[in-house]
N, C-alpha and C. Protein backbone atom coordinates (compact mmCIF):
# COMPACT_ATOMS: atom_id res chain seq x y z
N MET A 1 22.98 61.13 67.54
CA MET A 1 23.78 62.17 68.17
C MET A 1 22.89 63.09 68.99
N ALA A 2 23.31 63.41 70.17
CA ALA A 2 22.61 64.41 70.96
C ALA A 2 23.05 65.79 70.49
N VAL A 3 22.12 66.54 69.93
CA VAL A 3 22.47 67.81 69.30
C VAL A 3 21.95 68.97 70.11
N SER A 4 22.87 69.84 70.51
CA SER A 4 22.45 71.07 71.18
C SER A 4 22.41 72.18 70.15
N GLY A 5 21.84 73.31 70.53
CA GLY A 5 21.78 74.44 69.61
C GLY A 5 23.15 74.88 69.19
N SER A 6 24.15 74.67 70.04
CA SER A 6 25.50 75.13 69.70
C SER A 6 26.05 74.41 68.49
N ARG A 7 25.66 73.17 68.27
CA ARG A 7 26.17 72.43 67.12
C ARG A 7 25.70 73.08 65.84
N ASN A 8 24.51 73.68 65.86
CA ASN A 8 23.96 74.28 64.66
C ASN A 8 24.13 75.79 64.63
N GLY A 9 25.00 76.31 65.51
CA GLY A 9 25.27 77.74 65.52
C GLY A 9 24.12 78.56 66.05
N MET A 10 23.27 77.99 66.91
CA MET A 10 22.11 78.69 67.42
C MET A 10 22.40 79.50 68.67
N ILE A 11 23.52 79.21 69.30
CA ILE A 11 23.87 79.89 70.54
C ILE A 11 24.81 81.04 70.23
N GLY A 12 24.76 82.08 71.05
CA GLY A 12 25.67 83.21 70.86
C GLY A 12 27.10 82.81 71.09
N ASP A 13 28.00 83.72 70.79
CA ASP A 13 29.42 83.42 70.86
C ASP A 13 29.80 82.99 72.26
N GLU A 14 30.46 81.82 72.38
CA GLU A 14 30.83 81.27 73.67
C GLU A 14 32.34 81.07 73.74
N ASP A 15 33.07 82.00 73.14
CA ASP A 15 34.50 81.78 73.02
C ASP A 15 35.21 81.68 74.36
N GLU A 16 34.60 82.17 75.40
CA GLU A 16 35.26 82.08 76.69
C GLU A 16 34.87 80.82 77.44
N GLY A 17 34.43 79.80 76.69
CA GLY A 17 34.07 78.54 77.34
C GLY A 17 32.72 78.64 77.99
N GLY A 18 31.76 79.27 77.31
CA GLY A 18 30.45 79.53 77.88
C GLY A 18 29.67 78.28 78.20
N ASP A 19 28.57 78.49 78.90
CA ASP A 19 27.72 77.37 79.31
C ASP A 19 26.65 77.16 78.27
N ALA A 20 26.78 76.07 77.51
CA ALA A 20 25.83 75.79 76.43
C ALA A 20 24.55 75.23 76.93
N SER A 21 24.18 74.87 77.85
CA SER A 21 23.85 73.55 78.15
C SER A 21 22.51 73.08 78.47
N LEU A 22 22.20 73.00 79.74
CA LEU A 22 21.12 72.10 80.10
C LEU A 22 19.76 72.56 79.64
N GLU A 23 19.63 73.80 79.19
CA GLU A 23 18.34 74.21 78.68
C GLU A 23 18.00 73.44 77.41
N PHE A 24 18.98 72.80 76.80
CA PHE A 24 18.73 72.05 75.59
C PHE A 24 18.46 70.57 75.89
N TYR A 25 18.60 70.16 77.12
CA TYR A 25 18.59 68.73 77.38
C TYR A 25 18.09 68.48 78.79
N ASP A 26 17.17 67.56 78.92
CA ASP A 26 16.63 67.20 80.22
C ASP A 26 17.13 65.81 80.59
N PRO A 27 18.09 65.72 81.50
CA PRO A 27 18.64 64.42 81.84
C PRO A 27 17.63 63.48 82.45
N ASP A 28 16.49 64.00 82.95
CA ASP A 28 15.49 63.13 83.55
C ASP A 28 14.91 62.15 82.55
N HIS A 29 14.96 62.52 81.26
CA HIS A 29 14.37 61.62 80.29
C HIS A 29 15.16 60.33 80.14
N LEU A 30 16.40 60.31 80.62
CA LEU A 30 17.22 59.13 80.49
C LEU A 30 16.70 57.97 81.32
N SER A 31 15.90 58.29 82.31
CA SER A 31 15.37 57.23 83.15
C SER A 31 14.08 56.65 82.62
N SER A 32 13.56 57.23 81.56
CA SER A 32 12.29 56.75 81.03
C SER A 32 12.47 55.41 80.35
N SER A 33 11.38 54.66 80.29
CA SER A 33 11.44 53.31 79.77
C SER A 33 11.74 53.28 78.28
N ASP A 34 11.43 54.37 77.57
CA ASP A 34 11.64 54.37 76.12
C ASP A 34 12.97 55.01 75.74
N SER A 35 13.83 55.26 76.70
CA SER A 35 15.13 55.85 76.41
C SER A 35 15.96 54.89 75.57
N ASP A 36 16.77 55.48 74.64
CA ASP A 36 17.68 54.67 73.84
C ASP A 36 18.90 54.25 74.63
N THR A 37 19.09 54.82 75.80
CA THR A 37 20.27 54.52 76.61
C THR A 37 20.11 53.16 77.26
N PRO A 38 21.09 52.27 77.07
CA PRO A 38 21.03 50.98 77.76
C PRO A 38 20.96 51.19 79.26
N PRO A 39 20.18 50.38 79.96
CA PRO A 39 19.99 50.58 81.41
C PRO A 39 21.29 50.68 82.19
N HIS A 40 22.30 49.88 81.83
CA HIS A 40 23.54 49.89 82.60
C HIS A 40 24.38 51.14 82.35
N LEU A 41 23.96 51.98 81.38
CA LEU A 41 24.71 53.20 81.08
C LEU A 41 23.94 54.46 81.41
N ARG A 42 22.75 54.34 81.98
CA ARG A 42 21.94 55.53 82.21
C ARG A 42 22.53 56.46 83.25
N ASP A 43 23.14 55.91 84.29
CA ASP A 43 23.78 56.77 85.29
C ASP A 43 24.95 57.53 84.68
N LEU A 44 25.71 56.84 83.84
CA LEU A 44 26.85 57.47 83.16
C LEU A 44 26.38 58.57 82.23
N ALA A 45 25.31 58.30 81.47
CA ALA A 45 24.79 59.29 80.54
C ALA A 45 24.24 60.51 81.27
N ALA A 46 23.46 60.27 82.31
CA ALA A 46 22.85 61.38 83.05
C ALA A 46 23.91 62.27 83.69
N ALA A 47 24.93 61.66 84.27
CA ALA A 47 26.00 62.43 84.90
C ALA A 47 26.79 63.23 83.86
N SER A 48 26.99 62.65 82.70
CA SER A 48 27.74 63.32 81.63
C SER A 48 26.99 64.53 81.11
N VAL A 49 25.70 64.39 80.94
CA VAL A 49 24.88 65.50 80.44
C VAL A 49 24.78 66.62 81.48
N ALA A 50 24.56 66.23 82.72
CA ALA A 50 24.37 67.22 83.78
C ALA A 50 25.68 67.85 84.24
N GLY A 51 26.80 67.22 83.93
CA GLY A 51 28.08 67.73 84.41
C GLY A 51 28.28 67.49 85.89
N ASP A 52 27.70 66.42 86.39
CA ASP A 52 27.79 66.08 87.81
C ASP A 52 29.05 65.23 88.02
N PHE A 53 30.11 65.87 88.48
CA PHE A 53 31.41 65.20 88.59
C PHE A 53 31.35 64.01 89.53
N ASN A 54 30.77 64.18 90.70
CA ASN A 54 30.73 63.09 91.68
C ASN A 54 29.90 61.92 91.18
N ALA A 55 28.77 62.22 90.55
CA ALA A 55 27.93 61.16 90.00
C ALA A 55 28.64 60.45 88.86
N LEU A 56 29.40 61.21 88.08
CA LEU A 56 30.14 60.60 86.98
C LEU A 56 31.23 59.68 87.52
N LYS A 57 31.94 60.13 88.54
CA LYS A 57 32.98 59.30 89.13
C LYS A 57 32.39 57.99 89.67
N LEU A 58 31.25 58.09 90.32
CA LEU A 58 30.59 56.89 90.85
C LEU A 58 30.16 55.97 89.72
N ALA A 59 29.60 56.56 88.66
CA ALA A 59 29.16 55.74 87.52
C ALA A 59 30.35 55.02 86.88
N LEU A 60 31.48 55.71 86.79
CA LEU A 60 32.67 55.08 86.21
C LEU A 60 33.22 53.99 87.12
N ASP A 61 33.17 54.23 88.41
CA ASP A 61 33.65 53.22 89.36
C ASP A 61 32.84 51.93 89.25
N ASN A 62 31.56 52.08 88.90
CA ASN A 62 30.67 50.92 88.83
C ASN A 62 30.38 50.47 87.40
N LEU A 63 31.12 51.03 86.45
CA LEU A 63 30.85 50.75 85.05
C LEU A 63 31.20 49.32 84.68
N LEU A 64 30.26 48.66 84.05
CA LEU A 64 30.49 47.33 83.50
C LEU A 64 30.49 47.47 81.99
N GLY A 65 31.66 47.38 81.39
CA GLY A 65 31.75 47.57 79.95
C GLY A 65 32.75 48.65 79.60
N SER A 66 32.68 49.10 78.36
CA SER A 66 33.65 50.06 77.85
C SER A 66 33.23 51.50 78.11
N ILE A 67 34.20 52.32 78.46
CA ILE A 67 33.96 53.74 78.67
C ILE A 67 33.60 54.43 77.35
N ASP A 68 33.92 53.79 76.23
CA ASP A 68 33.65 54.35 74.91
C ASP A 68 32.36 53.82 74.29
N GLU A 69 31.58 53.11 75.05
CA GLU A 69 30.31 52.60 74.54
C GLU A 69 29.32 53.76 74.39
N PRO A 70 28.59 53.81 73.28
CA PRO A 70 27.59 54.88 73.11
C PRO A 70 26.54 54.83 74.21
N VAL A 71 26.25 55.99 74.77
CA VAL A 71 25.29 56.04 75.88
C VAL A 71 23.98 56.72 75.50
N GLU A 72 24.00 57.58 74.46
CA GLU A 72 22.80 58.31 74.11
C GLU A 72 22.89 58.78 72.67
N ASP A 73 21.99 58.35 71.82
CA ASP A 73 21.94 58.79 70.42
C ASP A 73 23.29 58.66 69.72
N GLY A 74 24.01 57.61 70.01
CA GLY A 74 25.30 57.38 69.37
C GLY A 74 26.46 58.08 70.01
N ASP A 75 26.20 58.95 70.98
CA ASP A 75 27.28 59.69 71.66
C ASP A 75 27.83 58.87 72.82
N THR A 76 29.14 58.95 73.00
CA THR A 76 29.76 58.40 74.19
C THR A 76 29.68 59.43 75.32
N ALA A 77 30.08 59.02 76.50
CA ALA A 77 30.08 59.95 77.63
C ALA A 77 30.98 61.16 77.35
N LEU A 78 32.11 60.92 76.68
CA LEU A 78 33.02 62.03 76.38
C LEU A 78 32.40 62.98 75.36
N HIS A 79 31.69 62.45 74.37
CA HIS A 79 30.97 63.32 73.44
C HIS A 79 30.02 64.24 74.20
N LEU A 80 29.28 63.68 75.13
CA LEU A 80 28.27 64.47 75.86
C LEU A 80 28.92 65.55 76.71
N THR A 81 29.99 65.23 77.41
CA THR A 81 30.62 66.24 78.25
C THR A 81 31.24 67.35 77.40
N CYS A 82 31.73 66.99 76.22
CA CYS A 82 32.27 68.00 75.31
C CYS A 82 31.15 68.83 74.69
N LEU A 83 30.06 68.20 74.37
CA LEU A 83 28.93 68.89 73.76
C LEU A 83 28.33 69.93 74.70
N TYR A 84 28.27 69.60 75.99
CA TYR A 84 27.65 70.50 76.96
C TYR A 84 28.67 71.31 77.77
N GLY A 85 29.95 71.15 77.46
CA GLY A 85 30.95 72.04 78.03
C GLY A 85 31.35 71.77 79.47
N HIS A 86 31.34 70.50 79.88
CA HIS A 86 31.67 70.16 81.27
C HIS A 86 33.14 69.74 81.37
N LEU A 87 34.00 70.72 81.57
CA LEU A 87 35.45 70.48 81.57
C LEU A 87 35.90 69.45 82.61
N PRO A 88 35.54 69.58 83.90
CA PRO A 88 36.03 68.60 84.87
C PRO A 88 35.60 67.17 84.52
N CYS A 89 34.41 67.02 83.99
CA CYS A 89 33.93 65.68 83.61
C CYS A 89 34.70 65.16 82.41
N ALA A 90 35.00 66.03 81.46
CA ALA A 90 35.79 65.62 80.30
C ALA A 90 37.19 65.18 80.75
N GLN A 91 37.77 65.94 81.69
CA GLN A 91 39.09 65.59 82.22
C GLN A 91 39.06 64.22 82.87
N LEU A 92 38.03 63.97 83.66
CA LEU A 92 37.91 62.69 84.36
C LEU A 92 37.79 61.54 83.37
N LEU A 93 36.95 61.71 82.37
CA LEU A 93 36.76 60.64 81.39
C LEU A 93 38.06 60.34 80.64
N ILE A 94 38.78 61.37 80.27
CA ILE A 94 40.03 61.16 79.56
C ILE A 94 41.06 60.49 80.47
N GLU A 95 41.10 60.90 81.73
CA GLU A 95 42.00 60.26 82.68
C GLU A 95 41.67 58.79 82.87
N ARG A 96 40.38 58.46 82.75
CA ARG A 96 39.95 57.07 82.91
C ARG A 96 40.09 56.27 81.61
N GLY A 97 40.59 56.89 80.58
CA GLY A 97 40.89 56.15 79.36
C GLY A 97 39.96 56.34 78.19
N ALA A 98 39.06 57.33 78.25
CA ALA A 98 38.16 57.57 77.13
C ALA A 98 38.96 57.95 75.89
N SER A 99 38.59 57.38 74.76
CA SER A 99 39.30 57.64 73.51
C SER A 99 38.94 59.01 72.94
N LEU A 100 39.96 59.71 72.46
CA LEU A 100 39.75 61.00 71.78
C LEU A 100 39.29 60.79 70.35
N GLU A 101 39.45 59.58 69.84
CA GLU A 101 39.15 59.31 68.43
C GLU A 101 37.88 58.50 68.23
N VAL A 102 37.13 58.29 69.28
CA VAL A 102 35.87 57.56 69.14
C VAL A 102 34.87 58.43 68.39
N LYS A 103 34.09 57.82 67.49
CA LYS A 103 33.15 58.56 66.67
C LYS A 103 31.71 58.27 67.10
N ASP A 104 30.86 59.29 66.94
CA ASP A 104 29.44 59.07 67.21
C ASP A 104 28.77 58.56 65.93
N GLU A 105 27.46 58.46 65.94
CA GLU A 105 26.76 57.88 64.80
C GLU A 105 26.86 58.74 63.54
N ASP A 106 27.26 60.00 63.70
CA ASP A 106 27.44 60.88 62.55
C ASP A 106 28.91 61.07 62.19
N GLY A 107 29.77 60.25 62.79
CA GLY A 107 31.18 60.31 62.47
C GLY A 107 31.97 61.40 63.16
N ALA A 108 31.34 62.10 64.10
CA ALA A 108 32.01 63.20 64.79
C ALA A 108 32.80 62.72 66.00
N LEU A 109 33.92 63.38 66.24
CA LEU A 109 34.73 63.13 67.42
C LEU A 109 34.28 64.04 68.56
N PRO A 110 34.69 63.75 69.79
CA PRO A 110 34.45 64.69 70.88
C PRO A 110 34.97 66.09 70.58
N LEU A 111 36.07 66.19 69.85
CA LEU A 111 36.62 67.50 69.49
C LEU A 111 35.63 68.28 68.62
N HIS A 112 34.93 67.62 67.71
CA HIS A 112 33.90 68.30 66.92
C HIS A 112 32.88 68.98 67.85
N ASP A 113 32.45 68.24 68.87
CA ASP A 113 31.43 68.77 69.78
C ASP A 113 31.94 69.95 70.59
N ALA A 114 33.17 69.83 71.09
CA ALA A 114 33.74 70.93 71.86
C ALA A 114 33.91 72.18 71.00
N CYS A 115 34.29 71.99 69.75
CA CYS A 115 34.47 73.13 68.84
C CYS A 115 33.12 73.75 68.48
N ALA A 116 32.11 72.92 68.30
CA ALA A 116 30.78 73.43 67.97
C ALA A 116 30.24 74.32 69.07
N GLY A 117 30.56 73.98 70.32
CA GLY A 117 30.09 74.76 71.44
C GLY A 117 30.99 75.91 71.83
N GLY A 118 32.17 75.99 71.23
CA GLY A 118 33.09 77.06 71.56
C GLY A 118 33.75 76.90 72.92
N PHE A 119 33.92 75.67 73.35
CA PHE A 119 34.47 75.43 74.69
C PHE A 119 35.99 75.36 74.63
N THR A 120 36.61 76.51 74.80
CA THR A 120 38.05 76.64 74.57
C THR A 120 38.88 75.74 75.48
N GLU A 121 38.51 75.64 76.73
CA GLU A 121 39.31 74.84 77.67
C GLU A 121 39.25 73.36 77.33
N ILE A 122 38.11 72.89 76.87
CA ILE A 122 38.00 71.48 76.49
C ILE A 122 38.77 71.23 75.20
N VAL A 123 38.68 72.16 74.25
CA VAL A 123 39.46 72.03 73.02
C VAL A 123 40.94 71.95 73.36
N GLN A 124 41.41 72.84 74.24
CA GLN A 124 42.83 72.82 74.62
C GLN A 124 43.18 71.53 75.34
N LEU A 125 42.29 71.05 76.20
CA LEU A 125 42.52 69.79 76.90
C LEU A 125 42.74 68.65 75.91
N ILE A 126 41.88 68.56 74.91
CA ILE A 126 41.98 67.48 73.93
C ILE A 126 43.27 67.59 73.13
N LEU A 127 43.59 68.79 72.69
CA LEU A 127 44.82 68.97 71.91
C LEU A 127 46.05 68.64 72.76
N ASP A 128 46.04 69.06 74.02
CA ASP A 128 47.16 68.77 74.91
C ASP A 128 47.30 67.28 75.17
N ARG A 129 46.17 66.61 75.38
CA ARG A 129 46.22 65.18 75.66
C ARG A 129 46.65 64.38 74.43
N ALA A 130 46.30 64.88 73.26
CA ALA A 130 46.74 64.20 72.04
C ALA A 130 48.27 64.22 71.95
N GLY A 131 48.84 65.40 72.23
CA GLY A 131 50.30 65.52 72.37
C GLY A 131 51.07 65.38 71.07
N GLU A 132 51.27 64.18 70.61
CA GLU A 132 52.09 63.94 69.42
C GLU A 132 51.50 64.64 68.20
N PRO A 133 52.35 65.30 67.40
CA PRO A 133 51.86 66.03 66.23
C PRO A 133 51.01 65.19 65.29
N GLN A 134 51.37 63.93 65.09
CA GLN A 134 50.59 63.08 64.19
C GLN A 134 49.21 62.81 64.76
N TYR A 135 49.13 62.64 66.06
CA TYR A 135 47.84 62.40 66.72
C TYR A 135 46.98 63.66 66.62
N VAL A 136 47.56 64.81 66.89
CA VAL A 136 46.83 66.07 66.78
C VAL A 136 46.32 66.25 65.35
N SER A 137 47.16 65.95 64.38
CA SER A 137 46.78 66.10 62.99
C SER A 137 45.59 65.22 62.64
N ARG A 138 45.56 64.00 63.14
CA ARG A 138 44.43 63.10 62.88
C ARG A 138 43.14 63.68 63.42
N LEU A 139 43.20 64.27 64.60
CA LEU A 139 42.01 64.86 65.20
C LEU A 139 41.53 66.06 64.39
N LEU A 140 42.48 66.90 63.97
CA LEU A 140 42.12 68.10 63.23
C LEU A 140 41.57 67.80 61.84
N GLU A 141 42.03 66.70 61.24
CA GLU A 141 41.62 66.33 59.89
C GLU A 141 40.40 65.42 59.86
N ALA A 142 39.97 64.95 61.02
CA ALA A 142 38.82 64.03 61.07
C ALA A 142 37.56 64.73 60.56
N VAL A 143 36.78 64.00 59.78
CA VAL A 143 35.55 64.56 59.23
C VAL A 143 34.35 63.74 59.65
N ASP A 144 33.21 64.41 59.81
CA ASP A 144 31.97 63.70 60.09
C ASP A 144 31.29 63.32 58.78
N VAL A 145 30.04 62.87 58.85
CA VAL A 145 29.37 62.38 57.64
C VAL A 145 29.13 63.49 56.61
N GLU A 146 29.18 64.73 57.05
CA GLU A 146 29.02 65.85 56.12
C GLU A 146 30.36 66.43 55.67
N GLY A 147 31.42 65.74 56.04
CA GLY A 147 32.75 66.20 55.64
C GLY A 147 33.28 67.36 56.45
N ASP A 148 32.63 67.66 57.56
CA ASP A 148 33.06 68.78 58.40
C ASP A 148 34.19 68.36 59.33
N THR A 149 35.23 69.18 59.37
CA THR A 149 36.31 69.03 60.34
C THR A 149 35.90 69.79 61.61
N PRO A 150 36.66 69.63 62.69
CA PRO A 150 36.40 70.46 63.87
C PRO A 150 36.42 71.95 63.55
N LEU A 151 37.27 72.37 62.62
CA LEU A 151 37.33 73.78 62.26
C LEU A 151 36.03 74.23 61.58
N HIS A 152 35.43 73.39 60.77
CA HIS A 152 34.12 73.71 60.20
C HIS A 152 33.10 73.99 61.30
N HIS A 153 33.11 73.14 62.33
CA HIS A 153 32.16 73.31 63.42
C HIS A 153 32.40 74.61 64.18
N ALA A 154 33.65 74.92 64.43
CA ALA A 154 33.97 76.16 65.13
C ALA A 154 33.58 77.37 64.29
N ALA A 155 33.81 77.28 62.98
CA ALA A 155 33.47 78.39 62.08
C ALA A 155 31.96 78.59 62.01
N ARG A 156 31.22 77.50 61.94
CA ARG A 156 29.77 77.60 61.88
C ARG A 156 29.21 78.29 63.12
N GLY A 157 29.83 78.02 64.26
CA GLY A 157 29.40 78.65 65.50
C GLY A 157 30.03 80.02 65.74
N GLU A 158 30.94 80.42 64.84
CA GLU A 158 31.62 81.71 64.93
C GLU A 158 32.40 81.87 66.24
N HIS A 159 33.07 80.81 66.61
CA HIS A 159 33.87 80.82 67.84
C HIS A 159 35.31 81.17 67.47
N ALA A 160 35.59 82.46 67.45
CA ALA A 160 36.86 82.95 66.92
C ALA A 160 38.06 82.44 67.70
N VAL A 161 37.96 82.38 69.00
CA VAL A 161 39.10 81.92 69.80
C VAL A 161 39.41 80.46 69.49
N VAL A 162 38.39 79.64 69.40
CA VAL A 162 38.59 78.24 69.05
C VAL A 162 39.16 78.12 67.64
N ILE A 163 38.64 78.91 66.72
CA ILE A 163 39.17 78.92 65.35
C ILE A 163 40.67 79.18 65.36
N GLN A 164 41.10 80.20 66.11
CA GLN A 164 42.51 80.54 66.16
C GLN A 164 43.33 79.41 66.80
N MET A 165 42.76 78.78 67.83
CA MET A 165 43.46 77.66 68.48
C MET A 165 43.68 76.52 67.48
N LEU A 166 42.66 76.20 66.71
CA LEU A 166 42.76 75.11 65.76
C LEU A 166 43.75 75.44 64.64
N LEU A 167 43.69 76.67 64.17
CA LEU A 167 44.64 77.09 63.13
C LEU A 167 46.07 77.02 63.64
N ASN A 168 46.27 77.47 64.87
CA ASN A 168 47.61 77.42 65.46
C ASN A 168 48.12 75.99 65.60
N ALA A 169 47.17 75.07 65.78
CA ALA A 169 47.54 73.66 65.94
C ALA A 169 47.74 72.97 64.60
N GLY A 170 47.41 73.66 63.49
CA GLY A 170 47.66 73.09 62.17
C GLY A 170 46.44 72.73 61.37
N ALA A 171 45.25 73.15 61.80
CA ALA A 171 44.03 72.84 61.05
C ALA A 171 44.03 73.53 59.70
N SER A 172 43.48 72.85 58.70
CA SER A 172 43.43 73.42 57.35
C SER A 172 42.20 74.31 57.18
N PRO A 173 42.41 75.58 56.78
CA PRO A 173 41.27 76.48 56.57
C PRO A 173 40.65 76.33 55.19
N THR A 174 41.25 75.50 54.33
CA THR A 174 40.79 75.41 52.94
C THR A 174 40.13 74.07 52.62
N LYS A 175 40.02 73.20 53.59
CA LYS A 175 39.40 71.89 53.35
C LYS A 175 37.90 72.05 53.17
N SER A 176 37.34 71.46 52.13
CA SER A 176 35.92 71.57 51.83
C SER A 176 35.15 70.37 52.39
N ASN A 177 33.92 70.62 52.82
CA ASN A 177 33.05 69.52 53.25
C ASN A 177 32.33 68.94 52.03
N VAL A 178 31.36 68.06 52.25
CA VAL A 178 30.69 67.40 51.12
C VAL A 178 29.84 68.38 50.32
N TYR A 179 29.56 69.54 50.87
CA TYR A 179 28.80 70.56 50.15
C TYR A 179 29.71 71.57 49.46
N GLY A 180 31.01 71.31 49.52
CA GLY A 180 31.97 72.20 48.88
C GLY A 180 32.27 73.45 49.68
N LYS A 181 31.92 73.47 50.96
CA LYS A 181 32.12 74.65 51.80
C LYS A 181 33.38 74.51 52.64
N THR A 182 34.18 75.57 52.64
CA THR A 182 35.33 75.64 53.52
C THR A 182 34.89 76.28 54.84
N PRO A 183 35.70 76.16 55.88
CA PRO A 183 35.35 76.83 57.14
C PRO A 183 35.10 78.33 56.96
N TYR A 184 35.88 78.97 56.14
CA TYR A 184 35.72 80.41 55.88
C TYR A 184 34.31 80.72 55.40
N GLU A 185 33.76 79.87 54.54
CA GLU A 185 32.45 80.12 53.97
C GLU A 185 31.30 79.87 54.94
N LEU A 186 31.59 79.19 56.05
CA LEU A 186 30.54 78.89 57.01
C LEU A 186 30.35 80.00 58.04
N ALA A 187 31.36 80.81 58.24
CA ALA A 187 31.24 81.93 59.19
C ALA A 187 30.53 83.09 58.52
N ASP A 188 29.62 83.73 59.23
CA ASP A 188 28.87 84.85 58.66
C ASP A 188 29.81 86.01 58.33
N PRO A 189 29.51 86.74 57.25
CA PRO A 189 30.31 87.92 56.91
C PRO A 189 30.27 88.95 58.03
N ASP A 190 31.27 89.79 58.07
CA ASP A 190 31.34 90.88 59.04
C ASP A 190 31.40 90.39 60.49
N THR A 191 31.94 89.19 60.68
CA THR A 191 32.18 88.70 62.04
C THR A 191 33.67 88.54 62.24
N PHE A 192 34.10 88.58 63.49
CA PHE A 192 35.52 88.41 63.79
C PHE A 192 36.00 87.03 63.35
N ALA A 193 35.15 86.02 63.53
CA ALA A 193 35.51 84.67 63.11
C ALA A 193 35.82 84.64 61.62
N ARG A 194 35.00 85.31 60.83
CA ARG A 194 35.22 85.35 59.38
C ARG A 194 36.54 86.05 59.06
N ARG A 195 36.84 87.12 59.78
CA ARG A 195 38.07 87.86 59.52
C ARG A 195 39.30 87.03 59.86
N VAL A 196 39.21 86.26 60.94
CA VAL A 196 40.33 85.39 61.31
C VAL A 196 40.60 84.38 60.19
N LEU A 197 39.54 83.78 59.69
CA LEU A 197 39.69 82.79 58.63
C LEU A 197 40.12 83.43 57.31
N GLU A 198 39.62 84.62 57.06
CA GLU A 198 39.96 85.34 55.84
C GLU A 198 41.45 85.65 55.80
N ALA A 199 41.99 86.05 56.94
CA ALA A 199 43.41 86.40 57.01
C ALA A 199 44.28 85.20 56.66
N VAL A 200 43.85 84.01 57.12
CA VAL A 200 44.64 82.82 56.86
C VAL A 200 44.48 82.33 55.43
N THR A 201 43.25 82.34 54.93
CA THR A 201 43.00 81.84 53.59
C THR A 201 43.64 82.74 52.52
N SER A 202 43.70 84.03 52.80
CA SER A 202 44.30 84.95 51.83
C SER A 202 45.81 84.71 51.72
N VAL A 203 46.42 84.30 52.84
CA VAL A 203 47.83 83.97 52.83
C VAL A 203 48.06 82.64 52.13
N SER A 204 47.13 81.69 52.36
CA SER A 204 47.25 80.37 51.75
C SER A 204 47.12 80.45 50.24
């Protein structure tokens, strides 16, 4: 998995769809001979990381293989655009048929990545594209290898707006991960994110 600081709650609050991004990742390394990215996917990976819409469109036009094939550290192109907050690129990939339920090597969905970064517009895009309540529920309940749901990721990053969006869509605030932690317990005390979760859990 390509991990940015936002996944581990290292970035400040980005609830307004902030720019997580390229300071954590150098797309030039994708062209190196020791890259884990298959040669035929390097253009796709580089465009996804950089958020280069035109380059991504060209890479997709020339793509040989599946749009859901892992391109970097187990991440698909959609994982990368969600991780780094590139909304137009995420829209393009979804329009071209990228799966919302594809998992990376750690079991995370693109929604996990968008929630970790606090990218509200991408989170809303994914929820809107899912559409059907059962489909939305599957996305919200999906867990990675540590048992974290998208709400856990949003709580860890203290992205209050994303937390509220997920709760409104039906996410469970009481689901525990493999360490026995609920989303409420992952948000730091005395933060707005914690108060949002506290209000819901106290009612539950």
